[in-house]
């Protein structure tokens, strides 16, 4: 049961969400960005527990849904910009986890 929870809420889901979203922009498939947003929802539920990130964490899937709209509207640059908040939150969280382990 612990492995399932770690897979849904942990790094595998976070990385998979980002990879699926990047592939969706590169292939120009909006449905992949929607799938990436859905995969990101459990991670945002986890972020909702942090006092500083709870509101921003709630918005992360909506940035991916907005990127799906941008890909559909053939605005690839806007899609990349809308994917930046997720990438930055993942990078910050990875830094915090790695800094805490040393």
C-alpha atoms as a PDB file:
ATOM      1  CA  UNK A   1       0.000   0.000   0.000  1.00  0.00           C
ATOM      2  CA  UNK A   2       2.879   2.363   0.788  1.00  0.00           C
ATOM      3  CA  UNK A   3       4.363   1.884  -2.692  1.00  0.00           C
ATOM      4  CA  UNK A   4       1.027   2.783  -4.297  1.00  0.00           C
ATOM      5  CA  UNK A   5       0.744   5.988  -2.257  1.00  0.00           C
ATOM      6  CA  UNK A   6       4.324   6.959  -3.061  1.00  0.00           C
ATOM      7  CA  UNK A   7       3.689   6.325  -6.755  1.00  0.00           C
ATOM      8  CA  UNK A   8       0.509   8.406  -6.854  1.00  0.00           C
ATOM      9  CA  UNK A   9       1.657  11.314  -4.675  1.00  0.00           C
ATOM     10  CA  UNK A  10       5.425  11.112  -5.037  1.00  0.00           C
ATOM     11  CA  UNK A  11       8.188  11.731  -7.503  1.00  0.00           C
ATOM     12  CA  UNK A  12       7.098   9.178 -10.142  1.00  0.00           C
ATOM     13  CA  UNK A  13       3.787  11.000 -10.654  1.00  0.00           C
ATOM     14  CA  UNK A  14       5.445  14.420 -10.569  1.00  0.00           C
ATOM     15  CA  UNK A  15       8.075  13.507 -13.150  1.00  0.00           C
ATOM     16  CA  UNK A  16       5.553  11.636 -15.304  1.00  0.00           C
ATOM     17  CA  UNK A  17       3.255  14.655 -15.285  1.00  0.00           C
ATOM     18  CA  UNK A  18       6.061  16.943 -16.430  1.00  0.00           C
ATOM     19  CA  UNK A  19       7.314  14.513 -19.100  1.00  0.00           C
ATOM     20  CA  UNK A  20       3.801  13.965 -20.492  1.00  0.00           C
ATOM     21  CA  UNK A  21       3.239  17.725 -20.603  1.00  0.00           C
ATOM     22  CA  UNK A  22       6.527  18.377 -22.388  1.00  0.00           C
ATOM     23  CA  UNK A  23       5.756  15.620 -24.885  1.00  0.00           C
ATOM     24  CA  UNK A  24       2.317  17.138 -25.444  1.00  0.00           C
ATOM     25  CA  UNK A  25       3.844  20.496 -26.339  1.00  0.00           C
ATOM     26  CA  UNK A  26       6.495  18.972 -28.581  1.00  0.00           C
ATOM     27  CA  UNK A  27       4.002  16.708 -30.391  1.00  0.00           C
ATOM     28  CA  UNK A  28       1.313  19.441 -30.382  1.00  0.00           C
ATOM     29  CA  UNK A  29      -1.194  17.115 -28.706  1.00  0.00           C
ATOM     30  CA  UNK A  30      -3.365  19.063 -26.223  1.00  0.00           C
ATOM     31  CA  UNK A  31      -4.816  15.877 -24.742  1.00  0.00           C
ATOM     32  CA  UNK A  32      -1.383  14.965 -23.383  1.00  0.00           C
ATOM     33  CA  UNK A  33      -1.252  18.256 -21.491  1.00  0.00           C
ATOM     34  CA  UNK A  34      -4.696  17.544 -20.058  1.00  0.00           C
ATOM     35  CA  UNK A  35      -3.434  14.095 -19.019  1.00  0.00           C
ATOM     36  CA  UNK A  36      -0.376  15.754 -17.437  1.00  0.00           C
ATOM     37  CA  UNK A  37      -2.692  18.087 -15.530  1.00  0.00           C
ATOM     38  CA  UNK A  38      -4.761  15.164 -14.270  1.00  0.00           C
ATOM     39  CA  UNK A  39      -1.591  13.347 -13.214  1.00  0.00           C
ATOM     40  CA  UNK A  40      -0.515  16.504 -11.370  1.00  0.00           C
ATOM     41  CA  UNK A  41      -3.676  16.695  -9.220  1.00  0.00           C
ATOM     42  CA  UNK A  42      -2.504  14.299  -6.444  1.00  0.00           C
ATOM     43  CA  UNK A  43       0.755  16.254  -6.195  1.00  0.00           C
ATOM     44  CA  UNK A  44      -1.187  19.486  -5.804  1.00  0.00           C
ATOM     45  CA  UNK A  45      -3.281  17.887  -3.065  1.00  0.00           C
ATOM     46  CA  UNK A  46      -0.009  17.118  -1.306  1.00  0.00           C
ATOM     47  CA  UNK A  47       1.194  20.717  -1.830  1.00  0.00           C
ATOM     48  CA  UNK A  48      -2.070  21.991  -0.400  1.00  0.00           C
ATOM     49  CA  UNK A  49      -0.722  21.011   3.032  1.00  0.00           C
ATOM     50  CA  UNK A  50       2.153  23.501   2.831  1.00  0.00           C
ATOM     51  CA  UNK A  51       1.265  26.895   4.245  1.00  0.00           C
ATOM     52  CA  UNK A  52       3.222  28.881   1.661  1.00  0.00           C
ATOM     53  CA  UNK A  53       2.265  26.894  -1.422  1.00  0.00           C
ATOM     54  CA  UNK A  54      -1.325  25.855  -0.791  1.00  0.00           C
ATOM     55  CA  UNK A  55      -3.027  28.375  -3.082  1.00  0.00           C
ATOM     56  CA  UNK A  56      -0.360  28.250  -5.774  1.00  0.00           C
ATOM     57  CA  UNK A  57      -0.260  24.457  -5.613  1.00  0.00           C
ATOM     58  CA  UNK A  58      -3.980  24.386  -6.282  1.00  0.00           C
ATOM     59  CA  UNK A  59      -3.434  26.332  -9.519  1.00  0.00           C
ATOM     60  CA  UNK A  60      -0.716  24.096 -11.018  1.00  0.00           C
ATOM     61  CA  UNK A  61      -3.055  21.771 -12.971  1.00  0.00           C
ATOM     62  CA  UNK A  62      -4.869  24.817 -14.357  1.00  0.00           C
ATOM     63  CA  UNK A  63      -1.592  26.072 -15.812  1.00  0.00           C
ATOM     64  CA  UNK A  64      -1.284  22.770 -17.636  1.00  0.00           C
ATOM     65  CA  UNK A  65      -4.884  22.983 -18.837  1.00  0.00           C
ATOM     66  CA  UNK A  66      -4.101  26.499 -20.061  1.00  0.00           C
ATOM     67  CA  UNK A  67      -1.060  25.126 -21.860  1.00  0.00           C
ATOM     68  CA  UNK A  68      -3.357  22.572 -23.526  1.00  0.00           C
ATOM     69  CA  UNK A  69      -5.504  25.432 -24.748  1.00  0.00           C
ATOM     70  CA  UNK A  70      -2.393  27.245 -26.000  1.00  0.00           C
ATOM     71  CA  UNK A  71      -1.253  24.172 -27.936  1.00  0.00           C
ATOM     72  CA  UNK A  72      -4.735  23.822 -29.390  1.00  0.00           C
ATOM     73  CA  UNK A  73      -4.649  27.518 -30.384  1.00  0.00           C
ATOM     74  CA  UNK A  74      -1.196  26.950 -31.953  1.00  0.00           C
ATOM     75  CA  UNK A  75       0.570  29.213 -29.435  1.00  0.00           C
ATOM     76  CA  UNK A  76       3.498  27.031 -28.499  1.00  0.00           C
ATOM     77  CA  UNK A  77       5.437  29.792 -26.720  1.00  0.00           C
ATOM     78  CA  UNK A  78       2.499  30.500 -24.414  1.00  0.00           C
ATOM     79  CA  UNK A  79       2.294  26.769 -23.644  1.00  0.00           C
ATOM     80  CA  UNK A  80       5.960  26.718 -22.602  1.00  0.00           C
ATOM     81  CA  UNK A  81       5.462  29.778 -20.398  1.00  0.00           C
ATOM     82  CA  UNK A  82       2.431  28.178 -18.743  1.00  0.00           C
ATOM     83  CA  UNK A  83       4.482  25.065 -18.003  1.00  0.00           C
ATOM     84  CA  UNK A  84       7.152  27.094 -16.165  1.00  0.00           C
ATOM     85  CA  UNK A  85       5.338  27.310 -12.776  1.00  0.00           C
ATOM     86  CA  UNK A  86       5.119  23.522 -12.534  1.00  0.00           C
ATOM     87  CA  UNK A  87       8.758  23.159 -13.528  1.00  0.00           C
ATOM     88  CA  UNK A  88       9.861  25.753 -10.977  1.00  0.00           C
ATOM     89  CA  UNK A  89       7.849  24.194  -8.132  1.00  0.00           C
ATOM     90  CA  UNK A  90       9.271  20.760  -8.971  1.00  0.00           C
ATOM     91  CA  UNK A  91      12.821  22.163  -9.072  1.00  0.00           C
ATOM     92  CA  UNK A  92      12.385  24.012  -5.770  1.00  0.00           C
ATOM     93  CA  UNK A  93      10.895  20.966  -4.089  1.00  0.00           C
ATOM     94  CA  UNK A  94      13.673  18.724  -5.454  1.00  0.00           C
ATOM     95  CA  UNK A  95      16.267  21.189  -4.132  1.00  0.00           C
ATOM     96  CA  UNK A  96      14.640  21.210  -0.701  1.00  0.00           C
ATOM     97  CA  UNK A  97      14.472  17.418  -0.554  1.00  0.00           C
ATOM     98  CA  UNK A  98      18.060  16.958  -1.702  1.00  0.00           C
ATOM     99  CA  UNK A  99      19.376  19.704   0.603  1.00  0.00           C
ATOM    100  CA  UNK A 100      17.568  18.151   3.536  1.00  0.00           C
ATOM    101  CA  UNK A 101      19.078  14.713   2.891  1.00  0.00           C
ATOM    102  CA  UNK A 102      22.679  15.910   3.127  1.00  0.00           C
END
